[in-house]
């Protein structure tokens, strides 16, 4: 099964990326994911279910430890090619 996670961390700071946003980016960029798109207002990552779920766990734990007061996320199942 393939999954896509979309997430944001708060509070926002448009002048400088807060520590929790930097940590979130490090988590998804360091995970064994197939694609990662990091932007100022939202982030998306895709991959196999185990890799995405492990990244979500690390994202939540490390993001909260780094000062996030809110982490919003959505996980979707991606239809496999030919399926």
PDB file of N, CA and C in Angstrom:
ATOM      1  N   UNK A   1       0.836  -1.178   0.000  1.00  0.00           N
ATOM      2  CA  UNK A   1       0.000   0.000   0.000  1.00  0.00           C
ATOM      3  C   UNK A   1       0.885   1.247   0.000  1.00  0.00           C
ATOM      4  N   UNK A   2       0.481   2.217  -0.807  1.00  0.00           N
ATOM      5  CA  UNK A   2       1.187   3.494  -0.860  1.00  0.00           C
ATOM      6  C   UNK A   2       0.339   4.559  -0.174  1.00  0.00           C
ATOM      7  N   UNK A   3       1.030   5.481   0.517  1.00  0.00           N
ATOM      8  CA  UNK A   3       0.345   6.538   1.243  1.00  0.00           C
ATOM      9  C   UNK A   3       0.933   7.896   0.886  1.00  0.00           C
ATOM     10  N   UNK A   4       0.095   8.914   1.028  1.00  0.00           N
ATOM     11  CA  UNK A   4       0.534  10.308   0.918  1.00  0.00           C
ATOM     12  C   UNK A   4       0.157  10.997   2.223  1.00  0.00           C
ATOM     13  N   UNK A   5       1.105  11.714   2.817  1.00  0.00           N
ATOM     14  CA  UNK A   5       0.824  12.504   4.015  1.00  0.00           C
ATOM     15  C   UNK A   5       1.017  13.974   3.658  1.00  0.00           C
ATOM     16  N   UNK A   6       0.062  14.776   4.075  1.00  0.00           N
ATOM     17  CA  UNK A   6       0.155  16.226   3.951  1.00  0.00           C
ATOM     18  C   UNK A   6       0.141  16.763   5.373  1.00  0.00           C
ATOM     19  N   UNK A   7       1.053  17.703   5.676  1.00  0.00           N
ATOM     20  CA  UNK A   7       1.120  18.182   7.054  1.00  0.00           C
ATOM     21  C   UNK A   7       1.602  19.622   7.142  1.00  0.00           C
ATOM     22  N   UNK A   8       1.239  20.251   8.245  1.00  0.00           N
ATOM     23  CA  UNK A   8       1.762  21.564   8.615  1.00  0.00           C
ATOM     24  C   UNK A   8       2.071  21.536  10.107  1.00  0.00           C
ATOM     25  N   UNK A   9       3.026  22.363  10.498  1.00  0.00           N
ATOM     26  CA  UNK A   9       3.341  22.522  11.912  1.00  0.00           C
ATOM     27  C   UNK A   9       3.122  23.989  12.275  1.00  0.00           C
ATOM     28  N   UNK A  10       2.732  24.222  13.495  1.00  0.00           N
ATOM     29  CA  UNK A  10       2.474  25.584  13.965  1.00  0.00           C
ATOM     30  C   UNK A  10       3.132  25.779  15.313  1.00  0.00           C
ATOM     31  N   UNK A  11       3.439  26.983  15.699  1.00  0.00           N
ATOM     32  CA  UNK A  11       3.019  28.251  15.105  1.00  0.00           C
ATOM     33  C   UNK A  11       3.869  28.616  13.892  1.00  0.00           C
ATOM     34  N   UNK A  12       3.258  29.419  13.006  1.00  0.00           N
ATOM     35  CA  UNK A  12       3.929  29.896  11.805  1.00  0.00           C
ATOM     36  C   UNK A  12       4.851  31.061  12.132  1.00  0.00           C
ATOM     37  N   UNK A  13       5.887  31.186  11.351  1.00  0.00           N
ATOM     38  CA  UNK A  13       6.753  32.359  11.401  1.00  0.00           C
ATOM     39  C   UNK A  13       7.232  32.563   9.974  1.00  0.00           C
ATOM     40  N   UNK A  14       6.741  33.611   9.326  1.00  0.00           N
ATOM     41  CA  UNK A  14       7.087  33.834   7.928  1.00  0.00           C
ATOM     42  C   UNK A  14       8.469  34.445   7.739  1.00  0.00           C
ATOM     43  N   UNK A  15       9.055  34.989   8.795  1.00  0.00           N
ATOM     44  CA  UNK A  15      10.381  35.601   8.685  1.00  0.00           C
ATOM     45  C   UNK A  15      11.500  34.573   8.765  1.00  0.00           C
ATOM     46  N   UNK A  16      11.324  33.562   9.610  1.00  0.00           N
ATOM     47  CA  UNK A  16      12.363  32.556   9.809  1.00  0.00           C
ATOM     48  C   UNK A  16      11.695  31.230  10.170  1.00  0.00           C
ATOM     49  N   UNK A  17      12.182  30.153   9.585  1.00  0.00           N
ATOM     50  CA  UNK A  17      11.598  28.838   9.872  1.00  0.00           C
ATOM     51  C   UNK A  17      11.813  28.480  11.340  1.00  0.00           C
ATOM     52  N   UNK A  18      10.720  28.211  12.085  1.00  0.00           N
ATOM     53  CA  UNK A  18      10.879  27.816  13.480  1.00  0.00           C
ATOM     54  C   UNK A  18      11.522  26.434  13.595  1.00  0.00           C
ATOM     55  N   UNK A  19      12.046  26.146  14.770  1.00  0.00           N
ATOM     56  CA  UNK A  19      12.751  24.876  14.994  1.00  0.00           C
ATOM     57  C   UNK A  19      11.882  23.676  14.635  1.00  0.00           C
ATOM     58  N   UNK A  20      10.598  23.718  14.981  1.00  0.00           N
ATOM     59  CA  UNK A  20       9.731  22.565  14.686  1.00  0.00           C
ATOM     60  C   UNK A  20       9.558  22.358  13.184  1.00  0.00           C
ATOM     61  N   UNK A  21       9.559  23.434  12.402  1.00  0.00           N
ATOM     62  CA  UNK A  21       9.453  23.308  10.949  1.00  0.00           C
ATOM     63  C   UNK A  21      10.733  22.726  10.365  1.00  0.00           C
ATOM     64  N   UNK A  22      11.874  23.131  10.897  1.00  0.00           N
ATOM     65  CA  UNK A  22      13.158  22.593  10.447  1.00  0.00           C
ATOM     66  C   UNK A  22      13.232  21.098  10.753  1.00  0.00           C
ATOM     67  N   UNK A  23      12.815  20.723  11.953  1.00  0.00           N
ATOM     68  CA  UNK A  23      12.816  19.306  12.344  1.00  0.00           C
ATOM     69  C   UNK A  23      11.888  18.501  11.442  1.00  0.00           C
ATOM     70  N   UNK A  24      10.709  19.024  11.159  1.00  0.00           N
ATOM     71  CA  UNK A  24       9.763  18.313  10.292  1.00  0.00           C
ATOM     72  C   UNK A  24      10.376  18.076   8.915  1.00  0.00           C
ATOM     73  N   UNK A  25      11.035  19.094   8.382  1.00  0.00           N
ATOM     74  CA  UNK A  25      11.680  18.955   7.077  1.00  0.00           C
ATOM     75  C   UNK A  25      12.785  17.901   7.143  1.00  0.00           C
ATOM     76  N   UNK A  26      13.587  17.919   8.197  1.00  0.00           N
ATOM     77  CA  UNK A  26      14.653  16.923   8.352  1.00  0.00           C
ATOM     78  C   UNK A  26      14.083  15.511   8.428  1.00  0.00           C
ATOM     79  N   UNK A  27      12.983  15.349   9.142  1.00  0.00           N
ATOM     80  CA  UNK A  27      12.371  14.020   9.282  1.00  0.00           C
ATOM     81  C   UNK A  27      11.952  13.474   7.924  1.00  0.00           C
ATOM     82  N   UNK A  28      11.179  14.250   7.154  1.00  0.00           N
ATOM     83  CA  UNK A  28      10.682  13.709   5.891  1.00  0.00           C
ATOM     84  C   UNK A  28      11.788  13.586   4.843  1.00  0.00           C
ATOM     85  N   UNK A  29      12.743  14.513   4.852  1.00  0.00           N
ATOM     86  CA  UNK A  29      13.834  14.408   3.882  1.00  0.00           C
ATOM     87  C   UNK A  29      14.776  13.252   4.211  1.00  0.00           C
ATOM     88  N   UNK A  30      14.858  12.856   5.477  1.00  0.00           N
ATOM     89  CA  UNK A  30      15.723  11.756   5.872  1.00  0.00           C
ATOM     90  C   UNK A  30      15.046  10.399   5.867  1.00  0.00           C
ATOM     91  N   UNK A  31      13.742  10.388   5.648  1.00  0.00           N
ATOM     92  CA  UNK A  31      12.990   9.131   5.650  1.00  0.00           C
ATOM     93  C   UNK A  31      13.113   8.437   4.286  1.00  0.00           C
ATOM     94  N   UNK A  32      12.800   7.158   4.278  1.00  0.00           N
ATOM     95  CA  UNK A  32      12.865   6.365   3.048  1.00  0.00           C
ATOM     96  C   UNK A  32      11.574   6.544   2.249  1.00  0.00           C
ATOM     97  N   UNK A  33      11.331   7.781   1.807  1.00  0.00           N
ATOM     98  CA  UNK A  33      10.115   8.109   1.070  1.00  0.00           C
ATOM     99  C   UNK A  33      10.430   8.290  -0.405  1.00  0.00           C
ATOM    100  N   UNK A  34       9.405   8.111  -1.243  1.00  0.00           N
ATOM    101  CA  UNK A  34       9.604   8.224  -2.686  1.00  0.00           C
ATOM    102  C   UNK A  34       9.610   9.661  -3.170  1.00  0.00           C
ATOM    103  N   UNK A  35       8.829  10.524  -2.526  1.00  0.00           N
ATOM    104  CA  UNK A  35       8.820  11.926  -2.919  1.00  0.00           C
ATOM    105  C   UNK A  35       8.494  12.790  -1.712  1.00  0.00           C
ATOM    106  N   UNK A  36       9.097  13.971  -1.693  1.00  0.00           N
ATOM    107  CA  UNK A  36       8.891  14.932  -0.609  1.00  0.00           C
ATOM    108  C   UNK A  36       8.795  16.311  -1.237  1.00  0.00           C
ATOM    109  N   UNK A  37       7.769  17.068  -0.860  1.00  0.00           N
ATOM    110  CA  UNK A  37       7.611  18.440  -1.315  1.00  0.00           C
ATOM    111  C   UNK A  37       7.405  19.300  -0.078  1.00  0.00           C
ATOM    112  N   UNK A  38       8.393  20.128   0.252  1.00  0.00           N
ATOM    113  CA  UNK A  38       8.346  20.970   1.441  1.00  0.00           C
ATOM    114  C   UNK A  38       8.136  22.405   0.991  1.00  0.00           C
ATOM    115  N   UNK A  39       7.107  23.040   1.546  1.00  0.00           N
ATOM    116  CA  UNK A  39       6.824  24.426   1.194  1.00  0.00           C
ATOM    117  C   UNK A  39       6.497  25.243   2.427  1.00  0.00           C
ATOM    118  N   UNK A  40       6.345  26.554   2.268  1.00  0.00           N
ATOM    119  CA  UNK A  40       6.110  27.419   3.421  1.00  0.00           C
ATOM    120  C   UNK A  40       4.743  27.239   4.072  1.00  0.00           C
ATOM    121  N   UNK A  41       3.761  26.738   3.323  1.00  0.00           N
ATOM    122  CA  UNK A  41       2.402  26.634   3.868  1.00  0.00           C
ATOM    123  C   UNK A  41       1.876  25.210   3.924  1.00  0.00           C
ATOM    124  N   UNK A  42       2.672  24.245   3.530  1.00  0.00           N
ATOM    125  CA  UNK A  42       2.248  22.860   3.569  1.00  0.00           C
ATOM    126  C   UNK A  42       3.324  21.960   3.011  1.00  0.00           C
ATOM    127  N   UNK A  43       3.279  20.720   3.409  1.00  0.00           N
ATOM    128  CA  UNK A  43       4.302  19.750   3.037  1.00  0.00           C
ATOM    129  C   UNK A  43       3.623  18.447   2.641  1.00  0.00           C
ATOM    130  N   UNK A  44       4.190  17.760   1.684  1.00  0.00           N
ATOM    131  CA  UNK A  44       3.638  16.499   1.211  1.00  0.00           C
ATOM    132  C   UNK A  44       4.765  15.488   1.060  1.00  0.00           C
ATOM    133  N   UNK A  45       4.478  14.255   1.427  1.00  0.00           N
ATOM    134  CA  UNK A  45       5.443  13.175   1.238  1.00  0.00           C
ATOM    135  C   UNK A  45       4.674  11.918   0.846  1.00  0.00           C
ATOM    136  N   UNK A  46       5.293  11.096   0.013  1.00  0.00           N
ATOM    137  CA  UNK A  46       4.670   9.857  -0.452  1.00  0.00           C
ATOM    138  C   UNK A  46       5.645   8.705  -0.353  1.00  0.00           C
ATOM    139  N   UNK A  47       5.083   7.515  -0.151  1.00  0.00           N
ATOM    140  CA  UNK A  47       5.906   6.324  -0.135  1.00  0.00           C
ATOM    141  C   UNK A  47       5.108   5.121   0.312  1.00  0.00           C
ATOM    142  N   UNK A  48       5.820   4.046   0.566  1.00  0.00           N
ATOM    143  CA  UNK A  48       5.188   2.848   1.077  1.00  0.00           C
ATOM    144  C   UNK A  48       4.607   3.108   2.466  1.00  0.00           C
ATOM    145  N   UNK A  49       3.601   2.334   2.831  1.00  0.00           N
ATOM    146  CA  UNK A  49       2.891   2.553   4.094  1.00  0.00           C
ATOM    147  C   UNK A  49       3.827   2.545   5.296  1.00  0.00           C
ATOM    148  N   UNK A  50       4.724   1.571   5.368  1.00  0.00           N
ATOM    149  CA  UNK A  50       5.619   1.492   6.531  1.00  0.00           C
ATOM    150  C   UNK A  50       6.502   2.727   6.640  1.00  0.00           C
ATOM    151  N   UNK A  51       7.034   3.196   5.517  1.00  0.00           N
ATOM    152  CA  UNK A  51       7.913   4.363   5.530  1.00  0.00           C
ATOM    153  C   UNK A  51       7.147   5.626   5.906  1.00  0.00           C
ATOM    154  N   UNK A  52       5.955   5.792   5.356  1.00  0.00           N
ATOM    155  CA  UNK A  52       5.162   6.989   5.666  1.00  0.00           C
ATOM    156  C   UNK A  52       4.738   6.979   7.130  1.00  0.00           C
ATOM    157  N   UNK A  53       4.275   5.849   7.626  1.00  0.00           N
ATOM    158  CA  UNK A  53       3.827   5.782   9.025  1.00  0.00           C
ATOM    159  C   UNK A  53       4.987   5.992  10.000  1.00  0.00           C
ATOM    160  N   UNK A  54       6.154   5.479   9.666  1.00  0.00           N
ATOM    161  CA  UNK A  54       7.330   5.714  10.513  1.00  0.00           C
ATOM    162  C   UNK A  54       7.703   7.199  10.498  1.00  0.00           C
ATOM    163  N   UNK A  55       7.625   7.821   9.320  1.00  0.00           N
ATOM    164  CA  UNK A  55       7.927   9.251   9.227  1.00  0.00           C
ATOM    165  C   UNK A  55       6.911  10.073  10.007  1.00  0.00           C
ATOM    166  N   UNK A  56       5.644   9.712   9.951  1.00  0.00           N
ATOM    167  CA  UNK A  56       4.606  10.425  10.705  1.00  0.00           C
ATOM    168  C   UNK A  56       4.870  10.321  12.204  1.00  0.00           C
ATOM    169  N   UNK A  57       5.220   9.139  12.670  1.00  0.00           N
ATOM    170  CA  UNK A  57       5.530   8.954  14.093  1.00  0.00           C
ATOM    171  C   UNK A  57       6.684   9.867  14.508  1.00  0.00           C
ATOM    172  N   UNK A  58       7.759   9.858  13.724  1.00  0.00           N
ATOM    173  CA  UNK A  58       8.918  10.694  14.041  1.00  0.00           C
ATOM    174  C   UNK A  58       8.576  12.173  13.932  1.00  0.00           C
ATOM    175  N   UNK A  59       7.801  12.525  12.928  1.00  0.00           N
ATOM    176  CA  UNK A  59       7.387  13.911  12.741  1.00  0.00           C
ATOM    177  C   UNK A  59       6.611  14.422  13.951  1.00  0.00           C
ATOM    178  N   UNK A  60       5.662  13.640  14.432  1.00  0.00           N
ATOM    179  CA  UNK A  60       4.871  14.047  15.591  1.00  0.00           C
ATOM    180  C   UNK A  60       5.737  14.166  16.843  1.00  0.00           C
ATOM    181  N   UNK A  61       6.509  13.153  17.114  1.00  0.00           N
ATOM    182  CA  UNK A  61       7.330  13.154  18.336  1.00  0.00           C
ATOM    183  C   UNK A  61       8.386  14.259  18.322  1.00  0.00           C
ATOM    184  N   UNK A  62       9.129  14.342  17.223  1.00  0.00           N
ATOM    185  CA  UNK A  62      10.223  15.320  17.164  1.00  0.00           C
ATOM    186  C   UNK A  62       9.705  16.744  16.989  1.00  0.00           C
ATOM    187  N   UNK A  63       8.617  16.903  16.232  1.00  0.00           N
ATOM    188  CA  UNK A  63       8.050  18.229  16.040  1.00  0.00           C
ATOM    189  C   UNK A  63       7.520  18.820  17.336  1.00  0.00           C
ATOM    190  N   UNK A  64       6.819  18.011  18.112  1.00  0.00           N
ATOM    191  CA  UNK A  64       6.312  18.484  19.402  1.00  0.00           C
ATOM    192  C   UNK A  64       7.463  18.784  20.356  1.00  0.00           C
ATOM    193  N   UNK A  65       8.470  17.925  20.363  1.00  0.00           N
ATOM    194  CA  UNK A  65       9.642  18.176  21.210  1.00  0.00           C
ATOM    195  C   UNK A  65      10.360  19.471  20.817  1.00  0.00           C
ATOM    196  N   UNK A  66      10.268  19.850  19.535  1.00  0.00           N
ATOM    197  CA  UNK A  66      10.952  21.051  19.050  1.00  0.00           C
ATOM    198  C   UNK A  66      10.099  22.312  19.181  1.00  0.00           C
ATOM    199  N   UNK A  67       8.916  22.188  19.799  1.00  0.00           N
ATOM    200  CA  UNK A  67       8.134  23.386  20.070  1.00  0.00           C
ATOM    201  C   UNK A  67       6.860  23.574  19.283  1.00  0.00           C
ATOM    202  N   UNK A  68       6.500  22.629  18.436  1.00  0.00           N
ATOM    203  CA  UNK A  68       5.229  22.770  17.722  1.00  0.00           C
ATOM    204  C   UNK A  68       4.087  22.739  18.736  1.00  0.00           C
ATOM    205  N   UNK A  69       3.133  23.626  18.548  1.00  0.00           N
ATOM    206  CA  UNK A  69       1.949  23.631  19.406  1.00  0.00           C
ATOM    207  C   UNK A  69       0.770  22.976  18.710  1.00  0.00           C
ATOM    208  N   UNK A  70       0.924  22.744  17.412  1.00  0.00           N
ATOM    209  CA  UNK A  70      -0.114  22.069  16.635  1.00  0.00           C
ATOM    210  C   UNK A  70       0.530  21.452  15.407  1.00  0.00           C
ATOM    211  N   UNK A  71       0.177  20.215  15.125  1.00  0.00           N
ATOM    212  CA  UNK A  71       0.604  19.555  13.895  1.00  0.00           C
ATOM    213  C   UNK A  71      -0.657  19.003  13.250  1.00  0.00           C
ATOM    214  N   UNK A  72      -0.958  19.501  12.064  1.00  0.00           N
ATOM    215  CA  UNK A  72      -2.132  19.039  11.324  1.00  0.00           C
ATOM    216  C   UNK A  72      -1.654  18.125  10.215  1.00  0.00           C
ATOM    217  N   UNK A  73      -2.309  16.979  10.083  1.00  0.00           N
ATOM    218  CA  UNK A  73      -1.907  16.092   9.007  1.00  0.00           C
ATOM    219  C   UNK A  73      -3.086  15.317   8.465  1.00  0.00           C
ATOM    220  N   UNK A  74      -2.900  14.902   7.241  1.00  0.00           N
ATOM    221  CA  UNK A  74      -3.887  14.079   6.552  1.00  0.00           C
ATOM    222  C   UNK A  74      -3.133  12.977   5.842  1.00  0.00           C
ATOM    223  N   UNK A  75      -3.624  11.759   5.959  1.00  0.00           N
ATOM    224  CA  UNK A  75      -2.990  10.614   5.300  1.00  0.00           C
ATOM    225  C   UNK A  75      -3.995  10.023   4.322  1.00  0.00           C
ATOM    226  N   UNK A  76      -3.561   9.830   3.088  1.00  0.00           N
ATOM    227  CA  UNK A  76      -4.415   9.257   2.053  1.00  0.00           C
ATOM    228  C   UNK A  76      -3.757   8.040   1.430  1.00  0.00           C
ATOM    229  N   UNK A  77      -4.582   7.065   1.069  1.00  0.00           N
ATOM    230  CA  UNK A  77      -4.117   5.914   0.321  1.00  0.00           C
ATOM    231  C   UNK A  77      -4.036   6.333  -1.136  1.00  0.00           C
ATOM    232  N   UNK A  78      -2.927   5.998  -1.786  1.00  0.00           N
ATOM    233  CA  UNK A  78      -2.721   6.314  -3.198  1.00  0.00           C
ATOM    234  C   UNK A  78      -2.976   5.053  -4.001  1.00  0.00           C
ATOM    235  N   UNK A  79      -3.779   5.187  -5.046  1.00  0.00           N
ATOM    236  CA  UNK A  79      -4.036   4.048  -5.912  1.00  0.00           C
ATOM    237  C   UNK A  79      -2.757   3.660  -6.634  1.00  0.00           C
ATOM    238  N   UNK A  80      -2.449   2.384  -6.620  1.00  0.00           N
ATOM    239  CA  UNK A  80      -1.252   1.876  -7.294  1.00  0.00           C
ATOM    240  C   UNK A  80      -1.506   1.836  -8.798  1.00  0.00           C
ATOM    241  N   UNK A  81      -0.467   2.063  -9.582  1.00  0.00           N
ATOM    242  CA  UNK A  81      -0.588   1.997 -11.035  1.00  0.00           C
ATOM    243  C   UNK A  81      -1.051   0.609 -11.445  1.00  0.00           C
ATOM    244  N   UNK A  82      -2.034   0.554 -12.317  1.00  0.00           N
ATOM    245  CA  UNK A  82      -2.557  -0.718 -12.795  1.00  0.00           C
ATOM    246  C   UNK A  82      -3.483  -1.396 -11.817  1.00  0.00           C
ATOM    247  N   UNK A  83      -3.804  -0.720 -10.677  1.00  0.00           N
ATOM    248  CA  UNK A  83      -4.663  -1.356  -9.697  1.00  0.00           C
ATOM    249  C   UNK A  83      -5.849  -0.650  -9.418  1.00  0.00           C
TER     250      UNK A  83
END
